[in-house]
Amino acid sequence: MQQGQKKRIIVTTIVIAAIIALGAVIGYFSTPDAQRDTNALPVNNGEEPGSSPKATSSTAKNAPLPTVGGDIVEYYDKIILSPVGGGRISGEAVRSLTGGVYILRVSAKNLPSPPTGQEYRAWIKIPDDASEPPIPVGALAKFLSGPLAGISAVVYTNRTKDLKRYREIIVTRQPLNAEKPEGIILRGGFAE
């Protein structure tokens, strides 16, 4: 493959990821709160509320896999993040593997401005595995105007490996550039 083709593929992948993330953020936050349950973990397969956190995949098990720009979408999952300790904050995480690129978008609504010297940061981790440290996804940036005004979000991509094992998503309020998660404010978990 020539250098120009590689650059085009990388740029196309980044543009697709941004479009997917923006569309998902707009779709989620344009749904009235009354139609969303933002205070409970997602329930899968008729389980009772309060059971272990699970999510449903938006791709049916036996359905043909969709494509984006000719690349097969190997999986796509979406979950609601629940506030830790209550409050009006809410969030969502969407992950996918498309054309060998892992994409994760984490967004939150109703986050107050963090105190000076602190930030909101998203992390992914393997549930119940202390041997693997959490991976920092990045600091959430707040949209100040436009249709996404008031929403904080971060998009993370990884070309080197599929991070599907990292099913737990947490959002923290912590000191700038902290090396491990502190002060969890939102939490959720993807299904296996």
N, C-alpha and C. Protein backbone atom coordinates (compact mmCIF):
# COMPACT_ATOMS: atom_id res chain seq x y z
N MET A 1 0.84 -1.17 0.00
CA MET A 1 0.00 0.00 0.00
C MET A 1 0.89 1.24 0.00
N GLN A 2 0.54 2.23 -0.81
CA GLN A 2 1.36 3.43 -0.90
C GLN A 2 1.07 4.38 0.26
N GLN A 3 2.01 5.27 0.53
CA GLN A 3 1.90 6.22 1.64
C GLN A 3 0.63 7.06 1.54
N GLY A 4 0.28 7.52 0.34
CA GLY A 4 -0.93 8.33 0.15
C GLY A 4 -2.19 7.56 0.49
N GLN A 5 -2.22 6.26 0.13
CA GLN A 5 -3.39 5.44 0.45
C GLN A 5 -3.51 5.26 1.96
N LYS A 6 -2.40 5.05 2.65
CA LYS A 6 -2.43 4.89 4.11
C LYS A 6 -2.97 6.14 4.77
N LYS A 7 -2.50 7.31 4.32
CA LYS A 7 -2.98 8.57 4.90
C LYS A 7 -4.47 8.73 4.67
N ARG A 8 -4.94 8.40 3.45
CA ARG A 8 -6.37 8.51 3.14
C ARG A 8 -7.18 7.59 4.04
N ILE A 9 -6.71 6.37 4.28
CA ILE A 9 -7.41 5.42 5.14
C ILE A 9 -7.47 5.94 6.57
N ILE A 10 -6.37 6.46 7.07
CA ILE A 10 -6.34 6.98 8.44
C ILE A 10 -7.28 8.17 8.57
N VAL A 11 -7.22 9.11 7.63
CA VAL A 11 -8.10 10.28 7.68
C VAL A 11 -9.56 9.85 7.59
N THR A 12 -9.87 8.92 6.69
CA THR A 12 -11.24 8.43 6.54
C THR A 12 -11.72 7.79 7.83
N THR A 13 -10.87 6.98 8.48
CA THR A 13 -11.24 6.33 9.73
C THR A 13 -11.53 7.35 10.82
N ILE A 14 -10.71 8.37 10.92
CA ILE A 14 -10.91 9.40 11.93
C ILE A 14 -12.20 10.17 11.66
N VAL A 15 -12.46 10.51 10.41
CA VAL A 15 -13.68 11.23 10.06
C VAL A 15 -14.90 10.37 10.37
N ILE A 16 -14.86 9.10 10.03
CA ILE A 16 -15.98 8.20 10.31
C ILE A 16 -16.21 8.10 11.81
N ALA A 17 -15.14 7.97 12.59
CA ALA A 17 -15.27 7.88 14.05
C ALA A 17 -15.91 9.15 14.61
N ALA A 18 -15.49 10.29 14.10
CA ALA A 18 -16.05 11.56 14.59
C ALA A 18 -17.52 11.68 14.23
N ILE A 19 -17.89 11.27 13.02
CA ILE A 19 -19.29 11.33 12.59
C ILE A 19 -20.14 10.39 13.43
N ILE A 20 -19.66 9.17 13.67
CA ILE A 20 -20.39 8.20 14.50
C ILE A 20 -20.57 8.76 15.90
N ALA A 21 -19.50 9.29 16.45
CA ALA A 21 -19.56 9.83 17.82
C ALA A 21 -20.53 11.00 17.90
N LEU A 22 -20.45 11.92 16.98
CA LEU A 22 -21.32 13.09 16.99
C LEU A 22 -22.78 12.67 16.83
N GLY A 23 -23.05 11.76 15.91
CA GLY A 23 -24.41 11.28 15.71
C GLY A 23 -24.96 10.59 16.95
N ALA A 24 -24.14 9.78 17.60
CA ALA A 24 -24.58 9.09 18.81
C ALA A 24 -24.84 10.07 19.94
N VAL A 25 -23.98 11.06 20.10
CA VAL A 25 -24.17 12.07 21.14
C VAL A 25 -25.47 12.83 20.90
N ILE A 26 -25.68 13.29 19.67
CA ILE A 26 -26.89 14.04 19.34
C ILE A 26 -28.12 13.16 19.56
N GLY A 27 -28.08 11.92 19.10
CA GLY A 27 -29.21 11.01 19.26
C GLY A 27 -29.55 10.75 20.72
N TYR A 28 -28.55 10.53 21.52
CA TYR A 28 -28.78 10.24 22.94
C TYR A 28 -29.36 11.45 23.66
N PHE A 29 -28.74 12.58 23.48
CA PHE A 29 -29.16 13.74 24.25
C PHE A 29 -30.34 14.49 23.64
N SER A 30 -30.78 14.11 22.46
CA SER A 30 -32.00 14.71 21.92
C SER A 30 -33.22 13.89 22.34
N THR A 31 -33.02 12.73 22.96
CA THR A 31 -34.11 11.93 23.50
C THR A 31 -34.54 12.55 24.82
N PRO A 32 -35.83 12.85 25.01
CA PRO A 32 -36.27 13.43 26.27
C PRO A 32 -35.92 12.52 27.44
N ASP A 33 -35.56 13.14 28.58
CA ASP A 33 -35.18 12.37 29.76
C ASP A 33 -36.27 11.39 30.18
N ALA A 34 -37.52 11.76 29.97
CA ALA A 34 -38.62 10.89 30.38
C ALA A 34 -38.62 9.57 29.61
N GLN A 35 -38.01 9.53 28.44
CA GLN A 35 -37.96 8.31 27.65
C GLN A 35 -36.72 7.49 27.93
N ARG A 36 -35.82 8.00 28.79
CA ARG A 36 -34.59 7.29 29.15
C ARG A 36 -34.60 7.02 30.63
N ASP A 37 -34.06 5.91 31.04
CA ASP A 37 -33.86 5.65 32.46
C ASP A 37 -32.39 5.90 32.72
N THR A 38 -32.06 7.10 33.21
CA THR A 38 -30.66 7.46 33.40
C THR A 38 -30.16 7.12 34.79
N ASN A 39 -31.00 6.52 35.63
CA ASN A 39 -30.58 6.21 37.00
C ASN A 39 -30.36 4.72 37.23
N ALA A 40 -30.52 3.90 36.22
CA ALA A 40 -30.35 2.46 36.40
C ALA A 40 -29.36 1.90 35.39
N LEU A 41 -28.69 0.85 35.77
CA LEU A 41 -27.81 0.17 34.83
C LEU A 41 -28.66 -0.53 33.80
N PRO A 42 -28.15 -0.73 32.59
CA PRO A 42 -28.93 -1.43 31.57
C PRO A 42 -29.25 -2.85 32.02
N VAL A 43 -30.41 -3.31 31.59
CA VAL A 43 -30.83 -4.67 31.94
C VAL A 43 -30.87 -5.47 30.65
N ASN A 44 -30.32 -6.69 30.68
CA ASN A 44 -30.23 -7.52 29.50
C ASN A 44 -31.01 -8.81 29.71
N ASN A 45 -31.70 -9.28 28.70
CA ASN A 45 -32.39 -10.58 28.72
C ASN A 45 -33.38 -10.73 29.86
N GLY A 46 -34.12 -9.68 30.17
CA GLY A 46 -35.17 -9.78 31.17
C GLY A 46 -34.68 -9.89 32.59
N GLU A 47 -33.43 -9.60 32.86
CA GLU A 47 -32.93 -9.67 34.23
C GLU A 47 -33.55 -8.59 35.08
N GLU A 48 -33.58 -8.81 36.35
CA GLU A 48 -34.14 -7.84 37.28
C GLU A 48 -33.19 -6.66 37.46
N PRO A 49 -33.73 -5.45 37.69
CA PRO A 49 -32.86 -4.32 38.01
C PRO A 49 -32.02 -4.64 39.24
N GLY A 50 -30.79 -4.15 39.22
CA GLY A 50 -29.89 -4.42 40.34
C GLY A 50 -29.00 -5.62 40.10
N SER A 51 -29.24 -6.37 39.02
CA SER A 51 -28.37 -7.49 38.71
C SER A 51 -27.07 -6.94 38.14
N SER A 52 -26.14 -7.82 37.81
CA SER A 52 -24.84 -7.34 37.34
C SER A 52 -25.00 -6.50 36.09
N PRO A 53 -24.13 -5.47 35.94
CA PRO A 53 -24.27 -4.58 34.79
C PRO A 53 -24.03 -5.31 33.49
N LYS A 54 -24.97 -5.16 32.58
CA LYS A 54 -24.84 -5.77 31.25
C LYS A 54 -25.39 -4.78 30.24
N ALA A 55 -25.11 -5.03 29.01
CA ALA A 55 -25.63 -4.17 27.95
C ALA A 55 -26.09 -5.04 26.81
N THR A 56 -26.90 -4.46 25.96
CA THR A 56 -27.33 -5.19 24.78
C THR A 56 -26.55 -4.66 23.60
N SER A 57 -26.25 -5.54 22.69
CA SER A 57 -25.56 -5.12 21.48
C SER A 57 -26.61 -4.65 20.49
N SER A 58 -26.30 -3.61 19.76
CA SER A 58 -27.26 -3.12 18.78
C SER A 58 -27.16 -3.91 17.47
N THR A 59 -26.29 -4.88 17.41
CA THR A 59 -26.17 -5.75 16.25
C THR A 59 -26.72 -7.12 16.62
N ALA A 60 -27.78 -7.57 15.95
CA ALA A 60 -28.38 -8.86 16.25
C ALA A 60 -27.37 -9.98 16.02
N LYS A 61 -27.51 -11.06 16.81
CA LYS A 61 -26.54 -12.15 16.78
C LYS A 61 -26.36 -12.77 15.38
N ASN A 62 -27.45 -13.02 14.66
CA ASN A 62 -27.33 -13.72 13.38
C ASN A 62 -27.52 -12.80 12.17
N ALA A 63 -27.62 -11.51 12.42
CA ALA A 63 -27.80 -10.57 11.32
C ALA A 63 -26.47 -10.33 10.62
N PRO A 64 -26.49 -10.03 9.32
CA PRO A 64 -25.24 -9.70 8.65
C PRO A 64 -24.64 -8.45 9.27
N LEU A 65 -23.33 -8.43 9.38
CA LEU A 65 -22.66 -7.28 9.98
C LEU A 65 -22.70 -6.09 9.04
N PRO A 66 -22.99 -4.89 9.57
CA PRO A 66 -23.02 -3.70 8.72
C PRO A 66 -21.61 -3.31 8.30
N THR A 67 -21.54 -2.42 7.34
CA THR A 67 -20.25 -1.92 6.89
C THR A 67 -20.25 -0.40 6.96
N VAL A 68 -19.06 0.17 7.13
CA VAL A 68 -18.86 1.62 7.09
C VAL A 68 -17.70 1.85 6.13
N GLY A 69 -17.97 2.52 5.04
CA GLY A 69 -16.92 2.78 4.06
C GLY A 69 -16.26 1.51 3.55
N GLY A 70 -17.01 0.42 3.47
CA GLY A 70 -16.47 -0.85 3.00
C GLY A 70 -15.85 -1.70 4.09
N ASP A 71 -15.63 -1.15 5.30
CA ASP A 71 -15.09 -1.91 6.42
C ASP A 71 -16.22 -2.54 7.22
N ILE A 72 -16.05 -3.80 7.61
CA ILE A 72 -17.07 -4.49 8.40
C ILE A 72 -17.04 -3.97 9.83
N VAL A 73 -18.23 -3.67 10.35
CA VAL A 73 -18.38 -3.31 11.75
C VAL A 73 -18.46 -4.63 12.52
N GLU A 74 -17.38 -5.00 13.19
CA GLU A 74 -17.30 -6.30 13.85
C GLU A 74 -18.18 -6.35 15.09
N TYR A 75 -18.28 -5.25 15.82
CA TYR A 75 -19.26 -5.14 16.90
C TYR A 75 -19.54 -3.67 17.19
N TYR A 76 -20.69 -3.43 17.79
CA TYR A 76 -21.13 -2.09 18.18
C TYR A 76 -21.99 -2.26 19.42
N ASP A 77 -21.61 -1.61 20.52
CA ASP A 77 -22.36 -1.70 21.77
C ASP A 77 -22.58 -0.29 22.32
N LYS A 78 -23.70 -0.14 23.02
CA LYS A 78 -24.04 1.15 23.62
C LYS A 78 -24.62 0.90 25.01
N ILE A 79 -24.16 1.66 26.01
CA ILE A 79 -24.69 1.52 27.36
C ILE A 79 -24.95 2.89 27.98
N ILE A 80 -25.79 2.90 29.00
CA ILE A 80 -26.02 4.08 29.81
C ILE A 80 -25.07 4.00 31.01
N LEU A 81 -24.43 5.12 31.35
CA LEU A 81 -23.58 5.18 32.53
C LEU A 81 -24.41 5.74 33.67
N SER A 82 -24.33 5.09 34.82
CA SER A 82 -25.13 5.48 35.98
C SER A 82 -24.31 6.34 36.93
N PRO A 83 -24.98 7.34 37.53
CA PRO A 83 -24.26 8.18 38.49
C PRO A 83 -23.93 7.40 39.76
N VAL A 84 -22.74 7.62 40.29
CA VAL A 84 -22.33 7.02 41.55
C VAL A 84 -22.64 8.06 42.62
N GLY A 85 -23.48 7.72 43.57
CA GLY A 85 -23.84 8.67 44.61
C GLY A 85 -25.01 9.56 44.24
N GLY A 86 -25.74 9.21 43.20
CA GLY A 86 -26.92 9.97 42.83
C GLY A 86 -26.59 11.24 42.07
N GLY A 87 -27.56 12.12 41.98
CA GLY A 87 -27.37 13.37 41.26
C GLY A 87 -28.04 13.36 39.91
N ARG A 88 -27.98 14.49 39.23
CA ARG A 88 -28.65 14.64 37.94
C ARG A 88 -27.75 14.31 36.76
N ILE A 89 -26.48 14.01 37.01
CA ILE A 89 -25.60 13.71 35.88
C ILE A 89 -26.01 12.41 35.23
N SER A 90 -25.77 12.30 33.95
CA SER A 90 -26.05 11.07 33.22
C SER A 90 -24.98 10.91 32.15
N GLY A 91 -24.87 9.71 31.63
CA GLY A 91 -23.85 9.50 30.62
C GLY A 91 -24.15 8.30 29.75
N GLU A 92 -23.30 8.14 28.76
CA GLU A 92 -23.46 7.07 27.79
C GLU A 92 -22.08 6.70 27.26
N ALA A 93 -21.91 5.44 26.92
CA ALA A 93 -20.69 4.98 26.26
C ALA A 93 -21.08 4.15 25.05
N VAL A 94 -20.36 4.36 23.95
CA VAL A 94 -20.58 3.60 22.72
C VAL A 94 -19.21 3.10 22.27
N ARG A 95 -19.12 1.80 21.97
CA ARG A 95 -17.86 1.25 21.47
C ARG A 95 -18.12 0.42 20.23
N SER A 96 -17.11 0.36 19.38
CA SER A 96 -17.22 -0.45 18.17
C SER A 96 -15.83 -0.88 17.72
N LEU A 97 -15.81 -1.89 16.90
CA LEU A 97 -14.59 -2.30 16.22
C LEU A 97 -14.95 -2.32 14.74
N THR A 98 -14.35 -1.40 13.99
CA THR A 98 -14.65 -1.24 12.58
C THR A 98 -13.35 -1.21 11.80
N GLY A 99 -13.20 -2.15 10.88
CA GLY A 99 -11.99 -2.17 10.05
C GLY A 99 -10.72 -2.26 10.88
N GLY A 100 -10.78 -2.98 12.00
CA GLY A 100 -9.60 -3.15 12.84
C GLY A 100 -9.31 -1.98 13.77
N VAL A 101 -10.20 -0.98 13.81
CA VAL A 101 -10.01 0.18 14.68
C VAL A 101 -11.04 0.13 15.81
N TYR A 102 -10.55 0.09 17.06
CA TYR A 102 -11.41 0.16 18.23
C TYR A 102 -11.76 1.62 18.47
N ILE A 103 -13.05 1.91 18.59
CA ILE A 103 -13.52 3.28 18.81
C ILE A 103 -14.41 3.29 20.04
N LEU A 104 -14.14 4.19 20.97
CA LEU A 104 -14.96 4.36 22.17
C LEU A 104 -15.30 5.84 22.30
N ARG A 105 -16.59 6.12 22.49
CA ARG A 105 -17.04 7.48 22.76
C ARG A 105 -17.73 7.47 24.11
N VAL A 106 -17.31 8.34 25.01
CA VAL A 106 -17.92 8.49 26.32
C VAL A 106 -18.45 9.92 26.40
N SER A 107 -19.72 10.07 26.80
CA SER A 107 -20.29 11.40 26.92
C SER A 107 -21.08 11.51 28.22
N ALA A 108 -21.22 12.73 28.71
CA ALA A 108 -21.94 12.98 29.96
C ALA A 108 -22.72 14.27 29.85
N LYS A 109 -23.79 14.34 30.61
CA LYS A 109 -24.66 15.50 30.61
C LYS A 109 -24.83 15.99 32.05
N ASN A 110 -24.97 17.29 32.22
CA ASN A 110 -25.19 17.92 33.52
C ASN A 110 -23.97 17.87 34.44
N LEU A 111 -22.78 17.84 33.87
CA LEU A 111 -21.57 17.90 34.70
C LEU A 111 -21.29 19.35 35.04
N PRO A 112 -21.17 19.67 36.34
CA PRO A 112 -20.77 21.04 36.68
C PRO A 112 -19.31 21.25 36.29
N SER A 113 -18.89 22.49 36.21
CA SER A 113 -17.48 22.76 35.91
C SER A 113 -16.63 22.17 37.03
N PRO A 114 -15.53 21.48 36.68
CA PRO A 114 -14.70 20.90 37.74
C PRO A 114 -13.97 22.01 38.51
N PRO A 115 -13.65 21.74 39.77
CA PRO A 115 -12.88 22.72 40.53
C PRO A 115 -11.52 22.98 39.86
N THR A 116 -10.92 24.13 40.14
CA THR A 116 -9.61 24.46 39.59
C THR A 116 -8.61 23.35 39.90
N GLY A 117 -7.86 22.94 38.88
CA GLY A 117 -6.86 21.90 39.06
C GLY A 117 -7.41 20.48 38.93
N GLN A 118 -8.70 20.35 38.57
CA GLN A 118 -9.30 19.03 38.38
C GLN A 118 -9.92 18.93 37.00
N GLU A 119 -10.23 17.69 36.61
CA GLU A 119 -10.84 17.42 35.32
C GLU A 119 -11.73 16.20 35.43
N TYR A 120 -12.60 16.04 34.43
CA TYR A 120 -13.39 14.81 34.29
C TYR A 120 -12.63 13.94 33.31
N ARG A 121 -12.40 12.69 33.67
CA ARG A 121 -11.61 11.79 32.84
C ARG A 121 -12.32 10.45 32.72
N ALA A 122 -12.32 9.88 31.52
CA ALA A 122 -12.90 8.55 31.28
C ALA A 122 -11.80 7.50 31.30
N TRP A 123 -12.15 6.31 31.79
CA TRP A 123 -11.22 5.17 31.90
C TRP A 123 -11.93 3.91 31.46
N ILE A 124 -11.17 2.94 30.93
CA ILE A 124 -11.70 1.61 30.67
C ILE A 124 -10.90 0.61 31.48
N LYS A 125 -11.58 -0.44 31.94
CA LYS A 125 -10.87 -1.45 32.72
C LYS A 125 -11.53 -2.80 32.55
N ILE A 126 -10.77 -3.82 32.88
CA ILE A 126 -11.30 -5.18 32.87
C ILE A 126 -11.98 -5.40 34.21
N PRO A 127 -13.27 -5.76 34.23
CA PRO A 127 -13.96 -5.95 35.50
C PRO A 127 -13.27 -7.01 36.37
N ASP A 128 -13.15 -6.71 37.65
CA ASP A 128 -12.63 -7.66 38.64
C ASP A 128 -11.24 -8.19 38.31
N ASP A 129 -10.39 -7.40 37.68
CA ASP A 129 -9.03 -7.83 37.37
C ASP A 129 -8.06 -6.74 37.80
N ALA A 130 -7.51 -6.91 39.01
CA ALA A 130 -6.58 -5.91 39.55
C ALA A 130 -5.20 -6.00 38.89
N SER A 131 -4.91 -7.09 38.17
CA SER A 131 -3.59 -7.24 37.55
C SER A 131 -3.42 -6.36 36.32
N GLU A 132 -4.52 -6.00 35.67
CA GLU A 132 -4.48 -5.13 34.50
C GLU A 132 -4.91 -3.73 34.92
N PRO A 133 -4.04 -2.74 34.86
CA PRO A 133 -4.44 -1.39 35.28
C PRO A 133 -5.45 -0.79 34.30
N PRO A 134 -6.29 0.12 34.80
CA PRO A 134 -7.23 0.81 33.90
C PRO A 134 -6.47 1.62 32.85
N ILE A 135 -7.09 1.79 31.69
CA ILE A 135 -6.50 2.58 30.61
C ILE A 135 -7.21 3.93 30.57
N PRO A 136 -6.44 5.04 30.65
CA PRO A 136 -7.09 6.35 30.54
C PRO A 136 -7.55 6.60 29.11
N VAL A 137 -8.82 6.93 28.96
CA VAL A 137 -9.38 7.23 27.64
C VAL A 137 -9.10 8.68 27.29
N GLY A 138 -9.22 9.56 28.27
CA GLY A 138 -8.96 10.98 28.04
C GLY A 138 -9.89 11.86 28.84
N ALA A 139 -9.56 13.14 28.87
CA ALA A 139 -10.38 14.13 29.59
C ALA A 139 -11.60 14.49 28.74
N LEU A 140 -12.74 14.65 29.40
CA LEU A 140 -13.95 15.05 28.71
C LEU A 140 -13.92 16.55 28.47
N ALA A 141 -14.23 16.95 27.25
CA ALA A 141 -14.30 18.37 26.88
C ALA A 141 -15.77 18.76 26.78
N LYS A 142 -16.09 19.95 27.26
CA LYS A 142 -17.48 20.41 27.27
C LYS A 142 -17.76 21.29 26.06
N PHE A 143 -18.87 20.98 25.36
CA PHE A 143 -19.33 21.82 24.26
C PHE A 143 -20.01 23.05 24.87
N LEU A 144 -19.61 24.23 24.46
CA LEU A 144 -20.14 25.46 25.05
C LEU A 144 -21.28 26.07 24.25
N SER A 145 -21.41 25.69 22.97
CA SER A 145 -22.48 26.25 22.15
C SER A 145 -22.92 25.22 21.11
N GLY A 146 -23.95 25.57 20.39
CA GLY A 146 -24.45 24.68 19.34
C GLY A 146 -25.39 23.62 19.88
N PRO A 147 -25.73 22.64 19.06
CA PRO A 147 -26.72 21.62 19.47
C PRO A 147 -26.22 20.74 20.61
N LEU A 148 -24.91 20.68 20.84
CA LEU A 148 -24.37 19.85 21.91
C LEU A 148 -23.98 20.66 23.15
N ALA A 149 -24.42 21.91 23.22
CA ALA A 149 -24.05 22.78 24.35
C ALA A 149 -24.37 22.10 25.67
N GLY A 150 -23.41 22.09 26.57
CA GLY A 150 -23.58 21.50 27.89
C GLY A 150 -23.20 20.04 27.98
N ILE A 151 -22.90 19.42 26.87
CA ILE A 151 -22.51 18.00 26.86
C ILE A 151 -20.99 17.91 26.89
N SER A 152 -20.48 17.00 27.70
CA SER A 152 -19.04 16.75 27.77
C SER A 152 -18.77 15.40 27.12
N ALA A 153 -17.71 15.30 26.33
CA ALA A 153 -17.45 14.05 25.62
C ALA A 153 -15.97 13.88 25.31
N VAL A 154 -15.60 12.63 25.07
CA VAL A 154 -14.26 12.28 24.60
C VAL A 154 -14.41 11.10 23.65
N VAL A 155 -13.60 11.07 22.59
CA VAL A 155 -13.57 9.94 21.65
C VAL A 155 -12.16 9.37 21.69
N TYR A 156 -12.09 8.04 21.80
CA TYR A 156 -10.81 7.33 21.91
C TYR A 156 -10.75 6.29 20.80
N THR A 157 -9.63 6.24 20.09
CA THR A 157 -9.44 5.20 19.08
C THR A 157 -8.14 4.46 19.35
N ASN A 158 -8.10 3.20 18.96
CA ASN A 158 -6.90 2.39 19.13
C ASN A 158 -6.80 1.45 17.95
N ARG A 159 -5.73 1.55 17.20
CA ARG A 159 -5.51 0.69 16.03
C ARG A 159 -4.72 -0.56 16.38
N THR A 160 -4.05 -0.56 17.53
CA THR A 160 -3.11 -1.65 17.81
C THR A 160 -3.76 -2.90 18.37
N LYS A 161 -4.87 -2.76 19.09
CA LYS A 161 -5.50 -3.97 19.62
C LYS A 161 -6.97 -3.73 19.90
N ASP A 162 -7.72 -4.83 19.90
CA ASP A 162 -9.13 -4.82 20.24
C ASP A 162 -9.23 -4.81 21.77
N LEU A 163 -9.89 -3.81 22.32
CA LEU A 163 -9.98 -3.67 23.77
C LEU A 163 -11.33 -4.14 24.31
N LYS A 164 -11.93 -5.12 23.65
CA LYS A 164 -13.26 -5.59 24.05
C LYS A 164 -13.28 -6.15 25.47
N ARG A 165 -12.15 -6.69 25.95
CA ARG A 165 -12.10 -7.24 27.32
C ARG A 165 -12.29 -6.14 28.36
N TYR A 166 -11.95 -4.91 28.00
CA TYR A 166 -12.08 -3.78 28.92
C TYR A 166 -13.54 -3.31 28.89
N ARG A 167 -14.39 -4.02 29.63
CA ARG A 167 -15.84 -3.81 29.56
C ARG A 167 -16.35 -2.74 30.52
N GLU A 168 -15.60 -2.43 31.57
CA GLU A 168 -16.08 -1.46 32.54
C GLU A 168 -15.63 -0.05 32.14
N ILE A 169 -16.58 0.88 32.18
CA ILE A 169 -16.31 2.27 31.84
C ILE A 169 -16.56 3.09 33.10
N ILE A 170 -15.60 3.94 33.46
CA ILE A 170 -15.81 4.84 34.59
C ILE A 170 -15.42 6.26 34.17
N VAL A 171 -16.11 7.22 34.77
CA VAL A 171 -15.77 8.63 34.60
C VAL A 171 -15.46 9.16 35.99
N THR A 172 -14.34 9.86 36.10
CA THR A 172 -13.89 10.37 37.39
C THR A 172 -13.79 11.89 37.38
N ARG A 173 -13.83 12.47 38.57
CA ARG A 173 -13.43 13.86 38.76
C ARG A 173 -12.18 13.79 39.62
N GLN A 174 -11.07 14.25 39.10
CA GLN A 174 -9.79 14.04 39.77
C GLN A 174 -8.79 15.12 39.39
N PRO A 175 -7.63 15.13 40.09
CA PRO A 175 -6.60 16.11 39.74
C PRO A 175 -6.16 15.95 38.28
N LEU A 176 -5.78 17.07 37.67
CA LEU A 176 -5.30 17.04 36.28
C LEU A 176 -4.19 16.01 36.12
N ASN A 177 -4.24 15.24 35.05
CA ASN A 177 -3.21 14.27 34.66
C ASN A 177 -2.89 13.23 35.73
N ALA A 178 -3.86 12.88 36.58
CA ALA A 178 -3.65 11.81 37.56
C ALA A 178 -3.38 10.51 36.82
N GLU A 179 -2.55 9.65 37.40
CA GLU A 179 -2.15 8.43 36.72
C GLU A 179 -3.05 7.24 36.98
N LYS A 180 -3.97 7.35 37.94
CA LYS A 180 -4.93 6.28 38.18
C LYS A 180 -6.28 6.91 38.54
N PRO A 181 -7.37 6.17 38.35
CA PRO A 181 -8.69 6.76 38.59
C PRO A 181 -8.94 7.07 40.06
N GLU A 182 -9.54 8.23 40.30
CA GLU A 182 -9.95 8.66 41.64
C GLU A 182 -11.31 9.34 41.50
N GLY A 183 -12.14 9.29 42.53
CA GLY A 183 -13.40 10.03 42.53
C GLY A 183 -14.37 9.65 41.44
N ILE A 184 -14.81 8.39 41.41
CA ILE A 184 -15.71 7.91 40.35
C ILE A 184 -17.08 8.60 40.48
N ILE A 185 -17.57 9.16 39.36
CA ILE A 185 -18.87 9.81 39.36
C ILE A 185 -19.88 9.13 38.44
N LEU A 186 -19.41 8.41 37.42
CA LEU A 186 -20.28 7.65 36.51
C LEU A 186 -19.65 6.27 36.29
N ARG A 187 -20.51 5.27 36.11
CA ARG A 187 -20.01 3.91 35.92
C ARG A 187 -20.98 3.11 35.08
N GLY A 188 -20.45 2.19 34.29
CA GLY A 188 -21.29 1.27 33.51
C GLY A 188 -20.45 0.11 33.01
N GLY A 189 -21.12 -0.92 32.51
CA GLY A 189 -20.39 -2.09 32.02
C GLY A 189 -21.03 -2.68 30.79
N PHE A 190 -20.21 -2.99 29.79
CA PHE A 190 -20.68 -3.67 28.59
C PHE A 190 -20.84 -5.16 28.88
N ALA A 191 -21.73 -5.81 28.16
CA ALA A 191 -21.90 -7.26 28.27
C ALA A 191 -20.68 -7.96 27.68
N GLU A 192 -20.47 -9.19 28.09
CA GLU A 192 -19.33 -9.97 27.54
C GLU A 192 -19.58 -10.33 26.11
